[in-house]
C-alpha atoms as a PDB file:
ATOM      1  CA  MET A   1     230.655 228.991 239.033  1.00  0.00           C
ATOM      2  CA  VAL A   2     233.635 226.845 237.906  1.00  0.00           C
ATOM      3  CA  PHE A   3     233.998 225.540 241.661  1.00  0.00           C
ATOM      4  CA  VAL A   4     230.609 223.627 241.169  1.00  0.00           C
ATOM      5  CA  LYS A   5     231.290 222.187 237.949  1.00  0.00           C
ATOM      6  CA  LYS A   6     232.684 218.866 238.961  1.00  0.00           C
ATOM      7  CA  SER A   7     230.115 218.228 241.684  1.00  0.00           C
ATOM      8  CA  ALA A   8     227.742 215.779 240.022  1.00  0.00           C
ATOM      9  CA  SER A   9     230.739 213.469 239.242  1.00  0.00           C
ATOM     10  CA  PHE A  10     231.811 214.008 242.677  1.00  0.00           C
ATOM     11  CA  ILE A  11     228.781 212.875 244.165  1.00  0.00           C
ATOM     12  CA  ILE A  12     228.510 209.766 242.268  1.00  0.00           C
ATOM     13  CA  LEU A  13     232.140 208.876 243.579  1.00  0.00           C
ATOM     14  CA  LEU A  14     231.068 209.813 246.966  1.00  0.00           C
ATOM     15  CA  LEU A  15     228.171 207.269 246.758  1.00  0.00           C
ATOM     16  CA  LEU A  16     230.553 204.665 245.581  1.00  0.00           C
ATOM     17  CA  LEU A  17     233.125 205.213 248.093  1.00  0.00           C
ATOM     18  CA  ASN A  18     230.333 205.320 250.854  1.00  0.00           C
ATOM     19  CA  SER A  19     229.294 201.920 249.532  1.00  0.00           C
ATOM     20  CA  PHE A  20     232.683 200.633 251.156  1.00  0.00           C
ATOM     21  CA  LEU A  21     233.279 203.070 253.998  1.00  0.00           C
ATOM     22  CA  VAL A  22     229.746 203.339 255.560  1.00  0.00           C
ATOM     23  CA  PHE A  23     229.241 200.705 257.846  1.00  0.00           C
ATOM     24  CA  SER A  24     227.107 197.627 256.490  1.00  0.00           C
ATOM     25  CA  GLY A  25     223.608 196.884 257.612  1.00  0.00           C
ATOM     26  CA  CYS A  26     222.136 193.456 258.093  1.00  0.00           C
ATOM     27  CA  ARG A  27     221.021 191.699 255.101  1.00  0.00           C
ATOM     28  CA  GLU A  28     217.522 191.066 255.167  1.00  0.00           C
ATOM     29  CA  LYS A  29     216.042 187.565 255.350  1.00  0.00           C
ATOM     30  CA  GLN A  30     213.523 186.484 253.049  1.00  0.00           C
ATOM     31  CA  GLY A  31     210.405 188.005 253.816  1.00  0.00           C
ATOM     32  CA  GLU A  32     211.641 190.907 255.800  1.00  0.00           C
ATOM     33  CA  ILE A  33     212.140 194.415 255.144  1.00  0.00           C
ATOM     34  CA  GLY A  34     215.184 196.324 255.679  1.00  0.00           C
ATOM     35  CA  LEU A  35     214.445 199.982 256.531  1.00  0.00           C
ATOM     36  CA  ALA A  36     216.950 202.803 257.105  1.00  0.00           C
ATOM     37  CA  LEU A  37     216.541 206.126 258.899  1.00  0.00           C
ATOM     38  CA  GLU A  38     218.658 209.084 259.654  1.00  0.00           C
ATOM     39  CA  GLN A  39     220.061 209.434 263.270  1.00  0.00           C
ATOM     40  CA  ASN A  40     218.035 212.787 264.193  1.00  0.00           C
ATOM     41  CA  SER A  41     214.676 214.293 264.787  1.00  0.00           C
ATOM     42  CA  HIS A  42     213.906 214.341 261.298  1.00  0.00           C
ATOM     43  CA  ALA A  43     212.744 210.453 261.445  1.00  0.00           C
ATOM     44  CA  ALA A  44     210.220 211.086 264.128  1.00  0.00           C
ATOM     45  CA  ALA A  45     207.414 209.058 262.629  1.00  0.00           C
ATOM     46  CA  ALA A  46     209.526 206.071 262.063  1.00  0.00           C
ATOM     47  CA  PHE A  47     210.684 206.120 265.783  1.00  0.00           C
ATOM     48  CA  ILE A  48     207.360 206.274 266.992  1.00  0.00           C
ATOM     49  CA  ALA A  49     206.082 203.506 264.567  1.00  0.00           C
ATOM     50  CA  LEU A  50     209.025 201.128 265.819  1.00  0.00           C
ATOM     51  CA  GLU A  51     208.491 202.226 269.396  1.00  0.00           C
ATOM     52  CA  LYS A  52     204.420 201.221 269.228  1.00  0.00           C
ATOM     53  CA  ASN A  53     205.098 198.177 266.889  1.00  0.00           C
ATOM     54  CA  TRP A  54     202.815 199.501 264.228  1.00  0.00           C
ATOM     55  CA  PHE A  55     204.670 198.238 261.418  1.00  0.00           C
ATOM     56  CA  ALA A  56     204.359 194.652 263.007  1.00  0.00           C
ATOM     57  CA  GLU A  57     200.549 195.267 263.747  1.00  0.00           C
ATOM     58  CA  GLU A  58     200.028 195.867 259.778  1.00  0.00           C
ATOM     59  CA  GLY A  59     201.929 193.016 258.932  1.00  0.00           C
ATOM     60  CA  ILE A  60     205.195 194.728 257.964  1.00  0.00           C
ATOM     61  CA  ASN A  61     207.941 192.768 259.058  1.00  0.00           C
ATOM     62  CA  VAL A  62     210.803 195.163 259.759  1.00  0.00           C
ATOM     63  CA  GLY A  63     213.616 192.701 260.098  1.00  0.00           C
ATOM     64  CA  THR A  64     216.429 194.966 260.420  1.00  0.00           C
ATOM     65  CA  TYR A  65     216.651 198.758 260.731  1.00  0.00           C
ATOM     66  CA  GLU A  66     219.763 200.829 260.698  1.00  0.00           C
ATOM     67  CA  THR A  67     220.371 204.564 261.583  1.00  0.00           C
ATOM     68  CA  TYR A  68     222.578 206.774 259.475  1.00  0.00           C
ATOM     69  CA  GLU A  69     224.148 209.882 260.710  1.00  0.00           C
ATOM     70  CA  THR A  70     223.586 211.461 257.355  1.00  0.00           C
ATOM     71  CA  GLY A  71     221.291 211.497 254.304  1.00  0.00           C
ATOM     72  CA  LEU A  72     224.308 210.748 251.805  1.00  0.00           C
ATOM     73  CA  ALA A  73     225.334 207.997 253.985  1.00  0.00           C
ATOM     74  CA  LEU A  74     221.817 206.576 253.917  1.00  0.00           C
ATOM     75  CA  ALA A  75     221.795 207.283 250.107  1.00  0.00           C
ATOM     76  CA  ALA A  76     224.978 205.026 249.845  1.00  0.00           C
ATOM     77  CA  ALA A  77     223.001 202.279 251.624  1.00  0.00           C
ATOM     78  CA  LEU A  78     220.185 202.349 249.172  1.00  0.00           C
ATOM     79  CA  THR A  79     222.834 202.340 246.337  1.00  0.00           C
ATOM     80  CA  ARG A  80     224.350 199.103 247.797  1.00  0.00           C
ATOM     81  CA  GLY A  81     220.872 197.604 248.055  1.00  0.00           C
ATOM     82  CA  GLU A  82     221.004 196.794 251.652  1.00  0.00           C
ATOM     83  CA  VAL A  83     217.373 198.331 252.443  1.00  0.00           C
ATOM     84  CA  GLN A  84     214.142 198.479 250.815  1.00  0.00           C
ATOM     85  CA  ALA A  85     212.635 201.608 252.316  1.00  0.00           C
ATOM     86  CA  ALA A  86     214.042 204.674 254.011  1.00  0.00           C
ATOM     87  CA  TYR A  87     213.164 207.776 255.858  1.00  0.00           C
ATOM     88  CA  ILE A  88     215.661 210.145 254.171  1.00  0.00           C
ATOM     89  CA  CYS A  89     216.206 213.878 253.377  1.00  0.00           C
ATOM     90  CA  LEU A  90     214.860 214.797 249.927  1.00  0.00           C
ATOM     91  CA  THR A  91     218.072 216.028 248.122  1.00  0.00           C
ATOM     92  CA  PRO A  92     220.183 212.949 249.048  1.00  0.00           C
ATOM     93  CA  ALA A  93     216.983 210.665 247.719  1.00  0.00           C
ATOM     94  CA  ILE A  94     217.146 212.494 244.629  1.00  0.00           C
ATOM     95  CA  ILE A  95     220.949 212.044 244.098  1.00  0.00           C
ATOM     96  CA  ALA A  96     220.616 208.337 244.820  1.00  0.00           C
ATOM     97  CA  TYR A  97     218.034 208.061 242.001  1.00  0.00           C
ATOM     98  CA  ALA A  98     219.605 210.379 239.452  1.00  0.00           C
ATOM     99  CA  ASN A  99     223.361 209.667 240.348  1.00  0.00           C
ATOM    100  CA  GLY A 100     223.328 206.242 241.937  1.00  0.00           C
ATOM    101  CA  GLY A 101     221.018 204.592 239.603  1.00  0.00           C
ATOM    102  CA  VAL A 102     218.770 203.575 242.417  1.00  0.00           C
ATOM    103  CA  ASP A 103     215.093 202.677 241.243  1.00  0.00           C
ATOM    104  CA  LEU A 104     212.962 204.207 244.102  1.00  0.00           C
ATOM    105  CA  LYS A 105     209.957 206.019 244.544  1.00  0.00           C
ATOM    106  CA  ILE A 106     209.105 208.823 247.208  1.00  0.00           C
ATOM    107  CA  ILE A 107     205.662 207.493 248.471  1.00  0.00           C
ATOM    108  CA  ALA A 108     205.117 210.020 251.219  1.00  0.00           C
ATOM    109  CA  GLY A 109     206.497 213.028 253.047  1.00  0.00           C
ATOM    110  CA  THR A 110     207.515 213.155 256.666  1.00  0.00           C
ATOM    111  CA  HIS A 111     208.539 216.728 257.472  1.00  0.00           C
ATOM    112  CA  LYS A 112     209.108 220.241 256.188  1.00  0.00           C
ATOM    113  CA  TYR A 113     212.307 222.516 257.026  1.00  0.00           C
ATOM    114  CA  GLY A 114     214.049 221.065 260.229  1.00  0.00           C
ATOM    115  CA  TYR A 115     217.432 222.706 259.556  1.00  0.00           C
ATOM    116  CA  GLY A 116     219.118 225.897 260.677  1.00  0.00           C
ATOM    117  CA  MET A 117     222.374 227.913 260.718  1.00  0.00           C
ATOM    118  CA  VAL A 118     223.666 228.467 264.129  1.00  0.00           C
ATOM    119  CA  VAL A 119     226.517 231.068 264.825  1.00  0.00           C
ATOM    120  CA  ASN A 120     229.071 232.637 267.292  1.00  0.00           C
ATOM    121  CA  PRO A 121     227.212 235.913 267.802  1.00  0.00           C
ATOM    122  CA  THR A 122     230.459 237.569 268.673  1.00  0.00           C
ATOM    123  CA  GLU A 123     231.917 236.749 265.187  1.00  0.00           C
ATOM    124  CA  ILE A 124     228.738 236.760 262.977  1.00  0.00           C
ATOM    125  CA  LYS A 125     226.678 239.869 263.106  1.00  0.00           C
ATOM    126  CA  THR A 126     225.211 239.898 259.302  1.00  0.00           C
ATOM    127  CA  LEU A 127     225.268 237.394 256.665  1.00  0.00           C
ATOM    128  CA  ASN A 128     227.872 239.278 255.051  1.00  0.00           C
ATOM    129  CA  ASP A 129     230.394 238.169 257.639  1.00  0.00           C
ATOM    130  CA  LEU A 130     230.242 234.579 256.072  1.00  0.00           C
ATOM    131  CA  GLU A 131     232.687 236.088 253.375  1.00  0.00           C
ATOM    132  CA  LYS A 132     235.237 236.971 255.630  1.00  0.00           C
ATOM    133  CA  LYS A 133     238.543 235.151 255.121  1.00  0.00           C
ATOM    134  CA  ASP A 134     239.103 234.238 258.923  1.00  0.00           C
ATOM    135  CA  ILE A 135     235.430 232.629 259.246  1.00  0.00           C
ATOM    136  CA  ARG A 136     235.263 229.023 259.800  1.00  0.00           C
ATOM    137  CA  ILE A 137     231.961 227.314 258.683  1.00  0.00           C
ATOM    138  CA  GLY A 138     230.916 223.785 259.359  1.00  0.00           C
ATOM    139  CA  CYS A 139     228.653 222.287 256.832  1.00  0.00           C
ATOM    140  CA  PRO A 140     227.695 218.457 255.852  1.00  0.00           C
ATOM    141  CA  ARG A 141     228.841 217.005 252.486  1.00  0.00           C
ATOM    142  CA  GLU A 142     227.783 218.410 249.126  1.00  0.00           C
ATOM    143  CA  GLY A 143     224.456 217.308 248.208  1.00  0.00           C
ATOM    144  CA  SER A 144     223.168 217.037 251.493  1.00  0.00           C
ATOM    145  CA  ALA A 145     219.954 218.966 252.389  1.00  0.00           C
ATOM    146  CA  ALA A 146     221.842 221.445 254.769  1.00  0.00           C
ATOM    147  CA  ASP A 147     224.410 221.899 251.990  1.00  0.00           C
ATOM    148  CA  VAL A 148     221.767 222.874 249.310  1.00  0.00           C
ATOM    149  CA  ALA A 149     220.010 224.977 251.693  1.00  0.00           C
ATOM    150  CA  LEU A 150     223.236 226.917 252.333  1.00  0.00           C
ATOM    151  CA  HIS A 151     223.738 227.587 248.651  1.00  0.00           C
ATOM    152  CA  LEU A 152     220.255 228.826 248.438  1.00  0.00           C
ATOM    153  CA  LEU A 153     220.981 231.200 251.332  1.00  0.00           C
ATOM    154  CA  ILE A 154     223.884 232.444 249.577  1.00  0.00           C
ATOM    155  CA  GLU A 155     222.216 232.972 246.341  1.00  0.00           C
ATOM    156  CA  LYS A 156     219.015 234.763 247.864  1.00  0.00           C
ATOM    157  CA  HIS A 157     221.217 237.352 249.798  1.00  0.00           C
ATOM    158  CA  ASP A 158     223.893 237.768 247.012  1.00  0.00           C
ATOM    159  CA  LEU A 159     226.668 236.762 248.842  1.00  0.00           C
ATOM    160  CA  ASP A 160     230.113 235.952 247.174  1.00  0.00           C
ATOM    161  CA  ARG A 161     229.792 232.332 246.589  1.00  0.00           C
ATOM    162  CA  GLU A 162     233.301 231.378 246.352  1.00  0.00           C
ATOM    163  CA  ARG A 163     234.471 233.257 249.304  1.00  0.00           C
ATOM    164  CA  VAL A 164     231.716 231.661 251.307  1.00  0.00           C
ATOM    165  CA  LEU A 165     232.567 227.992 250.175  1.00  0.00           C
ATOM    166  CA  GLU A 166     236.146 228.542 250.806  1.00  0.00           C
ATOM    167  CA  ASN A 167     235.588 229.088 254.360  1.00  0.00           C
ATOM    168  CA  ILE A 168     233.583 225.530 254.635  1.00  0.00           C
ATOM    169  CA  SER A 169     234.834 222.500 256.198  1.00  0.00           C
ATOM    170  CA  ARG A 170     232.889 219.493 255.168  1.00  0.00           C
ATOM    171  CA  LEU A 171     231.766 217.698 258.649  1.00  0.00           C
ATOM    172  CA  THR A 172     229.230 215.404 259.971  1.00  0.00           C
ATOM    173  CA  PRO A 173     226.757 216.857 262.130  1.00  0.00           C
ATOM    174  CA  HIS A 174     228.604 215.304 265.296  1.00  0.00           C
ATOM    175  CA  LYS A 175     232.034 216.756 264.418  1.00  0.00           C
ATOM    176  CA  GLN A 176     230.139 220.027 263.913  1.00  0.00           C
ATOM    177  CA  ILE A 177     229.022 220.200 267.271  1.00  0.00           C
ATOM    178  CA  LEU A 178     231.920 219.294 268.890  1.00  0.00           C
ATOM    179  CA  LEU A 179     234.348 221.657 267.049  1.00  0.00           C
ATOM    180  CA  PHE A 180     231.754 224.289 267.593  1.00  0.00           C
ATOM    181  CA  ILE A 181     231.691 223.966 271.386  1.00  0.00           C
ATOM    182  CA  LYS A 182     235.311 223.911 271.338  1.00  0.00           C
ATOM    183  CA  GLY A 183     235.752 227.113 269.523  1.00  0.00           C
ATOM    184  CA  ASP A 184     236.988 225.637 266.101  1.00  0.00           C
ATOM    185  CA  LEU A 185     234.063 226.808 264.064  1.00  0.00           C
ATOM    186  CA  ASP A 186     232.181 230.191 264.009  1.00  0.00           C
ATOM    187  CA  VAL A 187     229.346 228.887 261.968  1.00  0.00           C
ATOM    188  CA  VAL A 188     227.477 225.583 261.585  1.00  0.00           C
ATOM    189  CA  MET A 189     224.879 224.404 259.059  1.00  0.00           C
ATOM    190  CA  LEU A 190     222.953 221.648 260.814  1.00  0.00           C
ATOM    191  CA  PRO A 191     219.760 219.357 260.596  1.00  0.00           C
ATOM    192  CA  GLU A 192     217.759 219.196 263.671  1.00  0.00           C
ATOM    193  CA  HIS A 193     217.900 218.267 266.354  1.00  0.00           C
ATOM    194  CA  TYR A 194     221.647 219.300 265.996  1.00  0.00           C
ATOM    195  CA  ALA A 195     220.714 222.740 265.467  1.00  0.00           C
ATOM    196  CA  SER A 196     218.829 223.180 268.547  1.00  0.00           C
ATOM    197  CA  LEU A 197     221.825 221.357 270.408  1.00  0.00           C
ATOM    198  CA  ALA A 198     224.118 223.728 269.127  1.00  0.00           C
ATOM    199  CA  GLU A 199     221.817 226.664 270.153  1.00  0.00           C
ATOM    200  CA  ALA A 200     221.482 225.375 273.396  1.00  0.00           C
ATOM    201  CA  CYS A 201     225.276 225.497 274.027  1.00  0.00           C
ATOM    202  CA  GLY A 202     225.182 229.262 274.029  1.00  0.00           C
ATOM    203  CA  PHE A 203     225.168 230.018 270.365  1.00  0.00           C
ATOM    204  CA  LYS A 204     222.625 231.792 268.167  1.00  0.00           C
ATOM    205  CA  MET A 205     220.138 230.471 265.775  1.00  0.00           C
ATOM    206  CA  PHE A 206     220.970 232.737 262.890  1.00  0.00           C
ATOM    207  CA  ILE A 207     218.372 231.799 260.417  1.00  0.00           C
ATOM    208  CA  SER A 208     216.126 228.636 259.889  1.00  0.00           C
ATOM    209  CA  GLY A 209     215.510 226.233 257.123  1.00  0.00           C
ATOM    210  CA  ALA A 210     211.926 227.747 256.917  1.00  0.00           C
ATOM    211  CA  GLU A 211     213.457 231.236 256.573  1.00  0.00           C
ATOM    212  CA  ILE A 212     215.827 229.937 253.851  1.00  0.00           C
ATOM    213  CA  TRP A 213     213.452 227.980 251.715  1.00  0.00           C
ATOM    214  CA  PRO A 214     209.641 228.608 252.487  1.00  0.00           C
ATOM    215  CA  GLU A 215     207.683 225.306 252.209  1.00  0.00           C
ATOM    216  CA  MET A 216     211.071 223.208 251.914  1.00  0.00           C
ATOM    217  CA  GLN A 217     210.420 219.766 251.858  1.00  0.00           C
ATOM    218  CA  GLY A 218     212.853 218.210 254.507  1.00  0.00           C
ATOM    219  CA  SER A 219     212.403 214.491 254.124  1.00  0.00           C
ATOM    220  CA  VAL A 220     210.434 212.001 252.656  1.00  0.00           C
ATOM    221  CA  LEU A 221     209.685 207.992 253.079  1.00  0.00           C
ATOM    222  CA  VAL A 222     210.948 206.299 249.697  1.00  0.00           C
ATOM    223  CA  VAL A 223     210.703 202.555 248.813  1.00  0.00           C
ATOM    224  CA  LYS A 224     212.326 200.659 246.251  1.00  0.00           C
ATOM    225  CA  ASP A 225     210.462 199.998 242.843  1.00  0.00           C
ATOM    226  CA  GLU A 226     210.958 196.068 243.306  1.00  0.00           C
ATOM    227  CA  LEU A 227     208.788 196.440 246.621  1.00  0.00           C
ATOM    228  CA  ILE A 228     206.112 198.197 244.888  1.00  0.00           C
ATOM    229  CA  LYS A 229     205.862 195.661 242.087  1.00  0.00           C
ATOM    230  CA  GLU A 230     206.244 192.727 244.303  1.00  0.00           C
ATOM    231  CA  ASN A 231     204.100 193.768 247.380  1.00  0.00           C
ATOM    232  CA  PRO A 232     201.917 196.989 246.546  1.00  0.00           C
ATOM    233  CA  ASP A 233     199.656 196.167 249.417  1.00  0.00           C
ATOM    234  CA  LEU A 234     202.584 196.263 251.860  1.00  0.00           C
ATOM    235  CA  VAL A 235     203.481 199.635 250.369  1.00  0.00           C
ATOM    236  CA  GLU A 236     199.938 200.863 251.049  1.00  0.00           C
ATOM    237  CA  LYS A 237     200.434 199.735 254.671  1.00  0.00           C
ATOM    238  CA  MET A 238     203.602 201.738 255.047  1.00  0.00           C
ATOM    239  CA  LEU A 239     201.660 204.737 253.888  1.00  0.00           C
ATOM    240  CA  GLN A 240     199.118 204.157 256.487  1.00  0.00           C
ATOM    241  CA  VAL A 241     201.579 203.654 259.272  1.00  0.00           C
ATOM    242  CA  ASN A 242     203.427 206.804 258.379  1.00  0.00           C
ATOM    243  CA  ALA A 243     200.338 208.879 258.255  1.00  0.00           C
ATOM    244  CA  LYS A 244     199.234 207.525 261.798  1.00  0.00           C
ATOM    245  CA  ALA A 245     202.576 207.796 263.451  1.00  0.00           C
ATOM    246  CA  THR A 246     202.795 211.531 261.880  1.00  0.00           C
ATOM    247  CA  ALA A 247     199.445 212.364 263.128  1.00  0.00           C
ATOM    248  CA  TRP A 248     200.294 210.857 266.779  1.00  0.00           C
ATOM    249  CA  VAL A 249     203.684 212.948 266.444  1.00  0.00           C
ATOM    250  CA  ASN A 250     201.693 216.032 266.217  1.00  0.00           C
ATOM    251  CA  ASP A 251     199.048 215.451 268.591  1.00  0.00           C
ATOM    252  CA  ASN A 252     201.477 214.256 271.197  1.00  0.00           C
ATOM    253  CA  PRO A 253     204.845 216.398 271.231  1.00  0.00           C
ATOM    254  CA  HIS A 254     206.011 215.689 274.874  1.00  0.00           C
ATOM    255  CA  GLU A 255     205.637 211.815 274.586  1.00  0.00           C
ATOM    256  CA  THR A 256     207.255 211.960 271.145  1.00  0.00           C
ATOM    257  CA  ALA A 257     210.015 213.820 272.526  1.00  0.00           C
ATOM    258  CA  GLU A 258     210.476 211.109 275.158  1.00  0.00           C
ATOM    259  CA  ILE A 259     210.455 208.228 272.702  1.00  0.00           C
ATOM    260  CA  ILE A 260     212.854 209.946 270.314  1.00  0.00           C
ATOM    261  CA  PHE A 261     215.073 210.987 272.995  1.00  0.00           C
ATOM    262  CA  ASN A 262     215.692 207.389 273.963  1.00  0.00           C
ATOM    263  CA  HIS A 263     216.516 206.473 270.437  1.00  0.00           C
ATOM    264  CA  LEU A 264     218.917 209.246 270.170  1.00  0.00           C
ATOM    265  CA  ASN A 265     221.180 208.452 273.098  1.00  0.00           C
ATOM    266  CA  VAL A 266     224.120 207.713 270.884  1.00  0.00           C
ATOM    267  CA  THR A 267     224.314 211.743 270.258  1.00  0.00           C
ATOM    268  CA  SER A 268     223.966 212.239 274.167  1.00  0.00           C
ATOM    269  CA  GLY A 269     226.825 210.079 274.756  1.00  0.00           C
ATOM    270  CA  ILE A 270     229.248 211.568 272.527  1.00  0.00           C
ATOM    271  CA  ILE A 271     228.839 215.114 273.892  1.00  0.00           C
ATOM    272  CA  GLU A 272     229.005 214.051 277.238  1.00  0.00           C
ATOM    273  CA  GLN A 273     231.873 211.751 276.901  1.00  0.00           C
ATOM    274  CA  THR A 274     233.989 214.563 275.206  1.00  0.00           C
ATOM    275  CA  GLY A 275     232.543 217.674 277.056  1.00  0.00           C
ATOM    276  CA  ASP A 276     235.275 217.865 279.546  1.00  0.00           C
ATOM    277  CA  ALA A 277     237.647 218.988 276.861  1.00  0.00           C
ATOM    278  CA  PHE A 278     235.582 222.102 276.500  1.00  0.00           C
ATOM    279  CA  PRO A 279     235.320 225.396 278.021  1.00  0.00           C
ATOM    280  CA  ARG A 280     231.429 225.415 278.018  1.00  0.00           C
ATOM    281  CA  ASP A 281     229.390 223.428 280.762  1.00  0.00           C
ATOM    282  CA  ASN A 282     225.840 223.501 279.247  1.00  0.00           C
ATOM    283  CA  TYR A 283     226.631 220.983 276.505  1.00  0.00           C
ATOM    284  CA  ARG A 284     224.623 218.329 277.777  1.00  0.00           C
ATOM    285  CA  PHE A 285     221.775 216.892 275.417  1.00  0.00           C
ATOM    286  CA  THR A 286     218.533 217.040 277.104  1.00  0.00           C
ATOM    287  CA  LEU A 287     215.086 216.065 276.507  1.00  0.00           C
ATOM    288  CA  ALA A 288     214.047 220.080 276.706  1.00  0.00           C
ATOM    289  CA  ILE A 289     216.598 220.557 273.688  1.00  0.00           C
ATOM    290  CA  LEU A 290     214.915 217.882 271.808  1.00  0.00           C
ATOM    291  CA  GLU A 291     211.556 219.322 272.515  1.00  0.00           C
ATOM    292  CA  LYS A 292     212.740 222.726 271.104  1.00  0.00           C
ATOM    293  CA  ALA A 293     214.039 220.925 267.932  1.00  0.00           C
ATOM    294  CA  LEU A 294     210.698 219.402 267.189  1.00  0.00           C
ATOM    295  CA  THR A 295     209.013 222.658 266.968  1.00  0.00           C
ATOM    296  CA  ASN A 296     211.414 223.691 264.223  1.00  0.00           C
ATOM    297  CA  HIS A 297     209.625 220.914 261.959  1.00  0.00           C
ATOM    298  CA  LYS A 298     206.453 220.897 260.312  1.00  0.00           C
ATOM    299  CA  TYR A 299     205.546 217.101 260.157  1.00  0.00           C
ATOM    300  CA  CYS A 300     203.281 216.312 257.471  1.00  0.00           C
ATOM    301  CA  VAL A 301     202.842 213.437 254.949  1.00  0.00           C
ATOM    302  CA  LYS A 302     201.334 215.631 252.097  1.00  0.00           C
ATOM    303  CA  LEU A 303     203.848 216.361 249.312  1.00  0.00           C
ATOM    304  CA  GLN A 304     203.683 219.232 246.898  1.00  0.00           C
ATOM    305  CA  HIS A 305     204.825 218.400 243.387  1.00  0.00           C
ATOM    306  CA  GLU A 306     206.085 221.739 242.662  1.00  0.00           C
ATOM    307  CA  GLU A 307     208.550 221.547 245.561  1.00  0.00           C
ATOM    308  CA  ILE A 308     209.695 218.250 244.620  1.00  0.00           C
ATOM    309  CA  GLN A 309     210.356 219.592 241.148  1.00  0.00           C
ATOM    310  CA  GLU A 310     211.895 222.600 242.376  1.00  0.00           C
ATOM    311  CA  ALA A 311     214.355 220.810 244.420  1.00  0.00           C
ATOM    312  CA  ILE A 312     215.140 218.506 241.404  1.00  0.00           C
ATOM    313  CA  ASP A 313     215.597 221.722 239.158  1.00  0.00           C
ATOM    314  CA  TYR A 314     218.108 223.431 241.842  1.00  0.00           C
ATOM    315  CA  LEU A 315     220.368 220.342 242.313  1.00  0.00           C
ATOM    316  CA  GLU A 316     220.973 220.466 238.670  1.00  0.00           C
ATOM    317  CA  THR A 317     221.731 224.237 238.860  1.00  0.00           C
ATOM    318  CA  LEU A 318     224.333 223.294 241.373  1.00  0.00           C
ATOM    319  CA  ASP A 319     225.597 220.267 239.134  1.00  0.00           C
ATOM    320  CA  TYR A 320     224.705 217.922 242.021  1.00  0.00           C
ATOM    321  CA  ILE A 321     223.062 215.858 239.269  1.00  0.00           C
ATOM    322  CA  GLN A 322     223.717 215.649 235.753  1.00  0.00           C
ATOM    323  CA  SER A 323     220.441 216.959 234.184  1.00  0.00           C
ATOM    324  CA  SER A 324     216.902 217.724 235.774  1.00  0.00           C
ATOM    325  CA  PHE A 325     214.064 215.235 235.209  1.00  0.00           C
ATOM    326  CA  PRO A 326     210.272 215.533 235.835  1.00  0.00           C
ATOM    327  CA  ALA A 327     209.168 214.919 239.435  1.00  0.00           C
ATOM    328  CA  GLU A 328     206.722 212.406 238.117  1.00  0.00           C
ATOM    329  CA  GLU A 329     209.544 209.848 237.573  1.00  0.00           C
ATOM    330  CA  ILE A 330     210.381 209.634 241.237  1.00  0.00           C
ATOM    331  CA  LEU A 331     206.756 210.128 242.825  1.00  0.00           C
ATOM    332  CA  PHE A 332     204.608 207.109 243.726  1.00  0.00           C
ATOM    333  CA  GLN A 333     201.005 207.433 242.170  1.00  0.00           C
ATOM    334  CA  ASN A 334     199.515 210.682 241.400  1.00  0.00           C
ATOM    335  CA  PHE A 335     201.271 213.296 243.890  1.00  0.00           C
END
């Protein structure tokens, strides 16, 4: 396990570097809330609430909101103090708290699962094929939820961790998709909607997040402690909006897909602009692909204390955080 023993210090460095390298969001004006979310289908409730103006109706003035391609990039924004609330994958939130010194609380869940491993079926027949020397695997950076799920997959199926990790290239979801279509990757480990997009390009969804980690808490809604102390009523209103939007997502899947699709048009543009360089003609990001992606989430606000604790403890075993801590430290109220 020597290969992971410097991971915690590496992730601390990564958060600091992202503080300078990730694009900077607008600073909040007085009385406004800065909100951050990931540029994928995980943040469904946030996209719906913004589209329907539900934050404003509850007196929550979202002065600025920024989207980030990965949870670690979003965690860096929290570290910089640019935002006061965020829809973020669980593991980067834990890392921001434990390694980045960000005083935050998880106030609600947003979804479970929402990740997948997609493979070129001509190269990958069984999980043991991931150990082969010539297999090329794409995965987001260490500490991302997709990366943590991949580590758990390796452990559960008794794969040779060192061999698998030697095959990995650390890439953002966009870059994974583009290189996968081009034929430069054999395996991609992705959050949704990217996993369903990769599958739609003619590849095989090999294993889903739900299969890797039953009851896996995918993403959460977090707020800074200062917001809780200064405006607890506003935090309660955020909880209400998140619950309302999540219920709407579950009751209106097609309309949800239409709204999110419009918010994710950057992804569509990147794939379409570069598609001519690739041999496949079915690379377009469509509404049907997004609708399929939404079925690979379980959108719910309820949190399970034991799942949060399990994630914290597992990050310590990977040396992604320096030490475990009680889940109560990061959970708001009495979850």
